[in-house]
PDB file of all heavy atoms in Angstrom:
ATOM      1  N   ALA A   1    -118.795 -31.204-144.464  1.00  0.00           N
ATOM      2  CA  ALA A   1    -119.831 -32.153-144.887  1.00  0.00           C
ATOM      3  C   ALA A   1    -119.428 -33.575-144.506  1.00  0.00           C
ATOM      4  O   ALA A   1    -120.249 -34.342-143.989  1.00  0.00           O
ATOM      5  CB  ALA A   1    -120.070 -32.053-146.391  1.00  0.00           C
ATOM      6  N   GLN A   2    -118.178 -33.907-144.729  1.00  0.00           N
ATOM      7  CA  GLN A   2    -117.686 -35.244-144.400  1.00  0.00           C
ATOM      8  C   GLN A   2    -117.795 -35.507-142.894  1.00  0.00           C
ATOM      9  O   GLN A   2    -118.218 -36.580-142.469  1.00  0.00           O
ATOM     10  CB  GLN A   2    -116.243 -35.382-144.866  1.00  0.00           C
ATOM     11  CG  GLN A   2    -115.711 -36.773-144.864  1.00  0.00           C
ATOM     12  CD  GLN A   2    -114.398 -36.842-145.614  1.00  0.00           C
ATOM     13  OE1 GLN A   2    -113.614 -35.889-145.626  1.00  0.00           O
ATOM     14  NE2 GLN A   2    -114.152 -37.959-146.263  1.00  0.00           N
ATOM     15  N   LEU A   3    -117.435 -34.528-142.090  1.00  0.00           N
ATOM     16  CA  LEU A   3    -117.527 -34.667-140.636  1.00  0.00           C
ATOM     17  C   LEU A   3    -118.977 -34.867-140.203  1.00  0.00           C
ATOM     18  O   LEU A   3    -119.280 -35.747-139.400  1.00  0.00           O
ATOM     19  CB  LEU A   3    -116.944 -33.422-139.960  1.00  0.00           C
ATOM     20  CG  LEU A   3    -116.944 -33.398-138.443  1.00  0.00           C
ATOM     21  CD1 LEU A   3    -116.034 -34.484-137.894  1.00  0.00           C
ATOM     22  CD2 LEU A   3    -116.508 -32.037-137.946  1.00  0.00           C
ATOM     23  N   LEU A   4    -119.875 -34.066-140.744  1.00  0.00           N
ATOM     24  CA  LEU A   4    -121.289 -34.195-140.393  1.00  0.00           C
ATOM     25  C   LEU A   4    -121.851 -35.543-140.835  1.00  0.00           C
ATOM     26  O   LEU A   4    -122.631 -36.172-140.118  1.00  0.00           O
ATOM     27  CB  LEU A   4    -122.098 -33.057-141.010  1.00  0.00           C
ATOM     28  CG  LEU A   4    -121.859 -31.677-140.383  1.00  0.00           C
ATOM     29  CD1 LEU A   4    -122.414 -30.580-141.279  1.00  0.00           C
ATOM     30  CD2 LEU A   4    -122.440 -31.606-138.993  1.00  0.00           C
ATOM     31  N   LEU A   5    -121.451 -35.988-142.018  1.00  0.00           N
ATOM     32  CA  LEU A   5    -121.953 -37.261-142.537  1.00  0.00           C
ATOM     33  C   LEU A   5    -121.386 -38.459-141.788  1.00  0.00           C
ATOM     34  O   LEU A   5    -121.946 -39.550-141.855  1.00  0.00           O
ATOM     35  CB  LEU A   5    -121.667 -37.374-144.032  1.00  0.00           C
ATOM     36  CG  LEU A   5    -122.462 -36.407-144.908  1.00  0.00           C
ATOM     37  CD1 LEU A   5    -121.951 -36.430-146.343  1.00  0.00           C
ATOM     38  CD2 LEU A   5    -123.948 -36.720-144.850  1.00  0.00           C
ATOM     39  N   SER A   6    -120.301 -38.264-141.062  1.00  0.00           N
ATOM     40  CA  SER A   6    -119.745 -39.362-140.265  1.00  0.00           C
ATOM     41  C   SER A   6    -120.283 -39.342-138.834  1.00  0.00           C
ATOM     42  O   SER A   6    -119.939 -40.192-138.029  1.00  0.00           O
ATOM     43  CB  SER A   6    -118.216 -39.298-140.260  1.00  0.00           C
ATOM     44  OG  SER A   6    -117.778 -38.139-139.570  1.00  0.00           O
ATOM     45  N   SER A   7    -121.158 -38.390-138.536  1.00  0.00           N
ATOM     46  CA  SER A   7    -121.722 -38.288-137.184  1.00  0.00           C
ATOM     47  C   SER A   7    -122.841 -39.307-137.000  1.00  0.00           C
ATOM     48  O   SER A   7    -123.337 -39.893-137.958  1.00  0.00           O
ATOM     49  CB  SER A   7    -122.262 -36.880-136.925  1.00  0.00           C
ATOM     50  OG  SER A   7    -123.507 -36.696-137.561  1.00  0.00           O
ATOM     51  N   ASN A   8    -123.255 -39.473-135.756  1.00  0.00           N
ATOM     52  CA  ASN A   8    -124.336 -40.415-135.467  1.00  0.00           C
ATOM     53  C   ASN A   8    -125.704 -39.848-135.852  1.00  0.00           C
ATOM     54  O   ASN A   8    -126.709 -40.525-135.728  1.00  0.00           O
ATOM     55  CB  ASN A   8    -124.317 -40.825-133.992  1.00  0.00           C
ATOM     56  CG  ASN A   8    -124.520 -39.637-133.072  1.00  0.00           C
ATOM     57  OD1 ASN A   8    -124.462 -38.484-133.491  1.00  0.00           O
ATOM     58  ND2 ASN A   8    -124.724 -39.910-131.801  1.00  0.00           N
ATOM     59  N   MET A   9    -125.752 -38.624-136.344  1.00  0.00           N
ATOM     60  CA  MET A   9    -127.005 -37.986-136.757  1.00  0.00           C
ATOM     61  C   MET A   9    -127.176 -37.998-138.276  1.00  0.00           C
ATOM     62  O   MET A   9    -128.014 -37.294-138.811  1.00  0.00           O
ATOM     63  CB  MET A   9    -127.045 -36.547-136.250  1.00  0.00           C
ATOM     64  CG  MET A   9    -127.055 -36.409-134.733  1.00  0.00           C
ATOM     65  SD  MET A   9    -128.583 -36.983-134.004  1.00  0.00           S
ATOM     66  CE  MET A   9    -129.686 -35.693-134.514  1.00  0.00           C
ATOM     67  N   VAL A  10    -126.385 -38.790-138.977  1.00  0.00           N
ATOM     68  CA  VAL A  10    -126.376 -38.751-140.432  1.00  0.00           C
ATOM     69  C   VAL A  10    -127.756 -39.022-141.028  1.00  0.00           C
ATOM     70  O   VAL A  10    -128.174 -38.334-141.965  1.00  0.00           O
ATOM     71  CB  VAL A  10    -125.303 -39.693-141.023  1.00  0.00           C
ATOM     72  CG1 VAL A  10    -125.619 -41.143-140.741  1.00  0.00           C
ATOM     73  CG2 VAL A  10    -125.160 -39.471-142.524  1.00  0.00           C
ATOM     74  N   ALA A  11    -128.491 -39.967-140.497  1.00  0.00           N
ATOM     75  CA  ALA A  11    -129.811 -40.286-141.060  1.00  0.00           C
ATOM     76  C   ALA A  11    -130.746 -39.089-140.944  1.00  0.00           C
ATOM     77  O   ALA A  11    -131.449 -38.737-141.899  1.00  0.00           O
ATOM     78  CB  ALA A  11    -130.417 -41.503-140.370  1.00  0.00           C
ATOM     79  N   ALA A  12    -130.762 -38.442-139.801  1.00  0.00           N
ATOM     80  CA  ALA A  12    -131.622 -37.277-139.602  1.00  0.00           C
ATOM     81  C   ALA A  12    -131.202 -36.120-140.504  1.00  0.00           C
ATOM     82  O   ALA A  12    -132.043 -35.409-141.051  1.00  0.00           O
ATOM     83  CB  ALA A  12    -131.588 -36.842-138.147  1.00  0.00           C
ATOM     84  N   LEU A  13    -129.899 -35.946-140.689  1.00  0.00           N
ATOM     85  CA  LEU A  13    -129.405 -34.875-141.561  1.00  0.00           C
ATOM     86  C   LEU A  13    -129.815 -35.109-143.008  1.00  0.00           C
ATOM     87  O   LEU A  13    -130.216 -34.192-143.709  1.00  0.00           O
ATOM     88  CB  LEU A  13    -127.881 -34.773-141.470  1.00  0.00           C
ATOM     89  CG  LEU A  13    -127.327 -34.091-140.230  1.00  0.00           C
ATOM     90  CD1 LEU A  13    -125.837 -34.369-140.094  1.00  0.00           C
ATOM     91  CD2 LEU A  13    -127.592 -32.600-140.281  1.00  0.00           C
ATOM     92  N   LEU A  14    -129.704 -36.342-143.463  1.00  0.00           N
ATOM     93  CA  LEU A  14    -130.036 -36.656-144.846  1.00  0.00           C
ATOM     94  C   LEU A  14    -131.530 -36.587-145.108  1.00  0.00           C
ATOM     95  O   LEU A  14    -131.963 -36.262-146.207  1.00  0.00           O
ATOM     96  CB  LEU A  14    -129.505 -38.042-145.229  1.00  0.00           C
ATOM     97  CG  LEU A  14    -127.994 -38.166-145.302  1.00  0.00           C
ATOM     98  CD1 LEU A  14    -127.596 -39.593-145.636  1.00  0.00           C
ATOM     99  CD2 LEU A  14    -127.388 -37.201-146.305  1.00  0.00           C
ATOM    100  N   GLU A  15    -132.325 -36.881-144.103  1.00  0.00           N
ATOM    101  CA  GLU A  15    -133.774 -36.870-144.275  1.00  0.00           C
ATOM    102  C   GLU A  15    -134.385 -35.503-144.026  1.00  0.00           C
ATOM    103  O   GLU A  15    -135.586 -35.314-144.213  1.00  0.00           O
ATOM    104  CB  GLU A  15    -134.407 -37.897-143.328  1.00  0.00           C
ATOM    105  CG  GLU A  15    -134.066 -39.311-143.699  1.00  0.00           C
ATOM    106  CD  GLU A  15    -134.505 -40.315-142.653  1.00  0.00           C
ATOM    107  OE1 GLU A  15    -135.237 -39.923-141.730  1.00  0.00           O
ATOM    108  OE2 GLU A  15    -134.111 -41.474-142.761  1.00  0.00           O
ATOM    109  N   GLY A  16    -133.580 -34.540-143.587  1.00  0.00           N
ATOM    110  CA  GLY A  16    -134.107 -33.204-143.374  1.00  0.00           C
ATOM    111  C   GLY A  16    -135.042 -33.121-142.184  1.00  0.00           C
ATOM    112  O   GLY A  16    -136.071 -32.463-142.240  1.00  0.00           O
ATOM    113  N   GLU A  17    -134.684 -33.806-141.107  1.00  0.00           N
ATOM    114  CA  GLU A  17    -135.500 -33.765-139.887  1.00  0.00           C
ATOM    115  C   GLU A  17    -135.756 -32.315-139.495  1.00  0.00           C
ATOM    116  O   GLU A  17    -134.894 -31.454-139.637  1.00  0.00           O
ATOM    117  CB  GLU A  17    -134.738 -34.482-138.776  1.00  0.00           C
ATOM    118  CG  GLU A  17    -135.496 -34.599-137.482  1.00  0.00           C
ATOM    119  CD  GLU A  17    -134.684 -35.322-136.424  1.00  0.00           C
ATOM    120  OE1 GLU A  17    -134.749 -36.560-136.398  1.00  0.00           O
ATOM    121  OE2 GLU A  17    -134.014 -34.647-135.647  1.00  0.00           O
ATOM    122  N   ARG A  18    -136.955 -32.024-139.001  1.00  0.00           N
ATOM    123  CA  ARG A  18    -137.389 -30.694-138.567  1.00  0.00           C
ATOM    124  C   ARG A  18    -137.674 -29.761-139.737  1.00  0.00           C
ATOM    125  O   ARG A  18    -137.792 -28.568-139.575  1.00  0.00           O
ATOM    126  CB  ARG A  18    -136.377 -30.026-137.638  1.00  0.00           C
ATOM    127  CG  ARG A  18    -136.135 -30.768-136.358  1.00  0.00           C
ATOM    128  CD  ARG A  18    -135.171 -29.970-135.512  1.00  0.00           C
ATOM    129  NE  ARG A  18    -134.529 -30.773-134.527  1.00  0.00           N
ATOM    130  CZ  ARG A  18    -134.977 -31.005-133.304  1.00  0.00           C
ATOM    131  NH1 ARG A  18    -136.100 -30.501-132.927  1.00  0.00           N
ATOM    132  NH2 ARG A  18    -134.309 -31.742-132.461  1.00  0.00           N
ATOM    133  N   LYS A  19    -137.730 -30.290-140.928  1.00  0.00           N
ATOM    134  CA  LYS A  19    -138.058 -29.467-142.088  1.00  0.00           C
ATOM    135  C   LYS A  19    -139.359 -29.961-142.685  1.00  0.00           C
ATOM    136  O   LYS A  19    -139.646 -31.143-142.657  1.00  0.00           O
ATOM    137  CB  LYS A  19    -136.964 -29.555-143.146  1.00  0.00           C
ATOM    138  CG  LYS A  19    -135.658 -28.913-142.744  1.00  0.00           C
ATOM    139  CD  LYS A  19    -134.734 -29.047-143.915  1.00  0.00           C
ATOM    140  CE  LYS A  19    -133.457 -28.312-143.736  1.00  0.00           C
ATOM    141  NZ  LYS A  19    -132.635 -28.412-144.937  1.00  0.00           N
ATOM    142  N   GLU A  20    -140.094 -29.073-143.245  1.00  0.00           N
ATOM    143  CA  GLU A  20    -141.371 -29.419-143.869  1.00  0.00           C
ATOM    144  C   GLU A  20    -141.232 -29.245-145.378  1.00  0.00           C
ATOM    145  O   GLU A  20    -141.076 -28.119-145.867  1.00  0.00           O
ATOM    146  CB  GLU A  20    -142.474 -28.515-143.333  1.00  0.00           C
ATOM    147  CG  GLU A  20    -143.834 -28.802-143.918  1.00  0.00           C
ATOM    148  CD  GLU A  20    -144.270 -30.256-143.734  1.00  0.00           C
ATOM    149  OE1 GLU A  20    -144.166 -30.785-142.621  1.00  0.00           O
ATOM    150  OE2 GLU A  20    -144.700 -30.856-144.735  1.00  0.00           O
ATOM    151  N   PRO A  21    -141.249 -30.331-146.164  1.00  0.00           N
ATOM    152  CA  PRO A  21    -141.072 -30.233-147.615  1.00  0.00           C
ATOM    153  C   PRO A  21    -142.063 -29.299-148.311  1.00  0.00           C
ATOM    154  O   PRO A  21    -141.757 -28.764-149.368  1.00  0.00           O
ATOM    155  CB  PRO A  21    -141.249 -31.667-148.097  1.00  0.00           C
ATOM    156  CG  PRO A  21    -140.888 -32.507-146.929  1.00  0.00           C
ATOM    157  CD  PRO A  21    -141.336 -31.712-145.718  1.00  0.00           C
ATOM    158  N   SER A  22    -143.225 -29.083-147.739  1.00  0.00           N
ATOM    159  CA  SER A  22    -144.187 -28.187-148.380  1.00  0.00           C
ATOM    160  C   SER A  22    -143.869 -26.714-148.112  1.00  0.00           C
ATOM    161  O   SER A  22    -144.439 -25.828-148.734  1.00  0.00           O
ATOM    162  CB  SER A  22    -145.603 -28.498-147.895  1.00  0.00           C
ATOM    163  OG  SER A  22    -145.690 -28.286-146.505  1.00  0.00           O
ATOM    164  N   ASP A  23    -142.932 -26.454-147.202  1.00  0.00           N
ATOM    165  CA  ASP A  23    -142.527 -25.086-146.880  1.00  0.00           C
ATOM    166  C   ASP A  23    -141.784 -24.496-148.082  1.00  0.00           C
ATOM    167  O   ASP A  23    -140.900 -25.130-148.647  1.00  0.00           O
ATOM    168  CB  ASP A  23    -141.621 -25.122-145.655  1.00  0.00           C
ATOM    169  CG  ASP A  23    -141.231 -23.752-145.147  1.00  0.00           C
ATOM    170  OD1 ASP A  23    -141.362 -22.766-145.899  1.00  0.00           O
ATOM    171  OD2 ASP A  23    -140.787 -23.670-143.995  1.00  0.00           O
ATOM    172  N   SER A  24    -142.103 -23.277-148.457  1.00  0.00           N
ATOM    173  CA  SER A  24    -141.464 -22.651-149.625  1.00  0.00           C
ATOM    174  C   SER A  24    -139.971 -22.428-149.416  1.00  0.00           C
ATOM    175  O   SER A  24    -139.220 -22.282-150.372  1.00  0.00           O
ATOM    176  CB  SER A  24    -142.150 -21.332-149.967  1.00  0.00           C
ATOM    177  OG  SER A  24    -141.985 -20.421-148.900  1.00  0.00           O
ATOM    178  N   ALA A  25    -139.516 -22.401-148.164  1.00  0.00           N
ATOM    179  CA  ALA A  25    -138.098 -22.204-147.868  1.00  0.00           C
ATOM    180  C   ALA A  25    -137.339 -23.525-147.745  1.00  0.00           C
ATOM    181  O   ALA A  25    -136.151 -23.531-147.456  1.00  0.00           O
ATOM    182  CB  ALA A  25    -137.938 -21.398-146.581  1.00  0.00           C
ATOM    183  N   PHE A  26    -138.029 -24.655-147.979  1.00  0.00           N
ATOM    184  CA  PHE A  26    -137.403 -25.968-147.825  1.00  0.00           C
ATOM    185  C   PHE A  26    -136.230 -26.131-148.785  1.00  0.00           C
ATOM    186  O   PHE A  26    -136.322 -25.818-149.969  1.00  0.00           O
ATOM    187  CB  PHE A  26    -138.429 -27.074-148.074  1.00  0.00           C
ATOM    188  CG  PHE A  26    -137.844 -28.462-148.013  1.00  0.00           C
ATOM    189  CD1 PHE A  26    -137.482 -29.013-146.802  1.00  0.00           C
ATOM    190  CD2 PHE A  26    -137.651 -29.197-149.161  1.00  0.00           C
ATOM    191  CE1 PHE A  26    -136.946 -30.287-146.725  1.00  0.00           C
ATOM    192  CE2 PHE A  26    -137.121 -30.473-149.108  1.00  0.00           C
ATOM    193  CZ  PHE A  26    -136.758 -31.012-147.879  1.00  0.00           C
ATOM    194  N   THR A  27    -135.124 -26.607-148.255  1.00  0.00           N
ATOM    195  CA  THR A  27    -133.941 -26.903-149.062  1.00  0.00           C
ATOM    196  C   THR A  27    -133.472 -28.308-148.722  1.00  0.00           C
ATOM    197  O   THR A  27    -133.830 -28.858-147.693  1.00  0.00           O
ATOM    198  CB  THR A  27    -132.789 -25.918-148.760  1.00  0.00           C
ATOM    199  OG1 THR A  27    -132.506 -25.985-147.363  1.00  0.00           O
ATOM    200  CG2 THR A  27    -133.147 -24.508-149.150  1.00  0.00           C
ATOM    201  N   ALA A  28    -132.684 -28.875-149.588  1.00  0.00           N
ATOM    202  CA  ALA A  28    -132.105 -30.184-149.340  1.00  0.00           C
ATOM    203  C   ALA A  28    -130.619 -30.113-149.672  1.00  0.00           C
ATOM    204  O   ALA A  28    -130.226 -29.425-150.620  1.00  0.00           O
ATOM    205  CB  ALA A  28    -132.787 -31.243-150.202  1.00  0.00           C
ATOM    206  N   PRO A  29    -129.784 -30.810-148.906  1.00  0.00           N
ATOM    207  CA  PRO A  29    -128.345 -30.738-149.132  1.00  0.00           C
ATOM    208  C   PRO A  29    -127.928 -31.072-150.568  1.00  0.00           C
ATOM    209  O   PRO A  29    -127.112 -30.370-151.162  1.00  0.00           O
ATOM    210  CB  PRO A  29    -127.770 -31.761-148.147  1.00  0.00           C
ATOM    211  CG  PRO A  29    -128.816 -31.955-147.121  1.00  0.00           C
ATOM    212  CD  PRO A  29    -130.128 -31.689-147.792  1.00  0.00           C
ATOM    213  N   LEU A  30    -128.510 -32.130-151.131  1.00  0.00           N
ATOM    214  CA  LEU A  30    -128.145 -32.531-152.492  1.00  0.00           C
ATOM    215  C   LEU A  30    -128.517 -31.451-153.503  1.00  0.00           C
ATOM    216  O   LEU A  30    -127.751 -31.147-154.418  1.00  0.00           O
ATOM    217  CB  LEU A  30    -128.806 -33.860-152.860  1.00  0.00           C
ATOM    218  CG  LEU A  30    -128.432 -34.440-154.220  1.00  0.00           C
ATOM    219  CD1 LEU A  30    -126.933 -34.707-154.305  1.00  0.00           C
ATOM    220  CD2 LEU A  30    -129.210 -35.717-154.481  1.00  0.00           C
ATOM    221  N   HIS A  31    -129.670 -30.843-153.339  1.00  0.00           N
ATOM    222  CA  HIS A  31    -130.109 -29.786-154.254  1.00  0.00           C
ATOM    223  C   HIS A  31    -129.177 -28.569-154.179  1.00  0.00           C
ATOM    224  O   HIS A  31    -128.828 -27.981-155.200  1.00  0.00           O
ATOM    225  CB  HIS A  31    -131.534 -29.351-153.925  1.00  0.00           C
ATOM    226  CG  HIS A  31    -132.566 -30.362-154.275  1.00  0.00           C
ATOM    227  ND1 HIS A  31    -132.671 -31.578-153.623  1.00  0.00           N
ATOM    228  CD2 HIS A  31    -133.539 -30.354-155.197  1.00  0.00           C
ATOM    229  CE1 HIS A  31    -133.665 -32.267-154.143  1.00  0.00           C
ATOM    230  NE2 HIS A  31    -134.219 -31.546-155.101  1.00  0.00           N
ATOM    231  N   LEU A  32    -128.779 -28.223-152.970  1.00  0.00           N
ATOM    232  CA  LEU A  32    -127.891 -27.067-152.792  1.00  0.00           C
ATOM    233  C   LEU A  32    -126.522 -27.320-153.424  1.00  0.00           C
ATOM    234  O   LEU A  32    -125.965 -26.456-154.088  1.00  0.00           O
ATOM    235  CB  LEU A  32    -127.748 -26.741-151.305  1.00  0.00           C
ATOM    236  CG  LEU A  32    -129.015 -26.205-150.637  1.00  0.00           C
ATOM    237  CD1 LEU A  32    -128.870 -26.214-149.134  1.00  0.00           C
ATOM    238  CD2 LEU A  32    -129.323 -24.803-151.151  1.00  0.00           C
ATOM    239  N   ALA A  33    -125.993 -28.517-153.214  1.00  0.00           N
ATOM    240  CA  ALA A  33    -124.702 -28.858-153.817  1.00  0.00           C
ATOM    241  C   ALA A  33    -124.816 -28.935-155.334  1.00  0.00           C
ATOM    242  O   ALA A  33    -123.939 -28.469-156.063  1.00  0.00           O
ATOM    243  CB  ALA A  33    -124.196 -30.179-153.249  1.00  0.00           C
ATOM    244  N   ALA A  34    -125.921 -29.497-155.825  1.00  0.00           N
ATOM    245  CA  ALA A  34    -126.118 -29.670-157.265  1.00  0.00           C
ATOM    246  C   ALA A  34    -126.245 -28.334-157.978  1.00  0.00           C
ATOM    247  O   ALA A  34    -125.605 -28.107-159.002  1.00  0.00           O
ATOM    248  CB  ALA A  34    -127.344 -30.538-157.526  1.00  0.00           C
TER     249      ALA A  34
END
């Protein structure tokens, strides 16, 4: 997680790029960790 968060793609990773929040399979990193 630390390596990914230090990458140049951190904003896209945190915002869930390519994911649709209305999708029933939608997950978010914070929710999974929590």
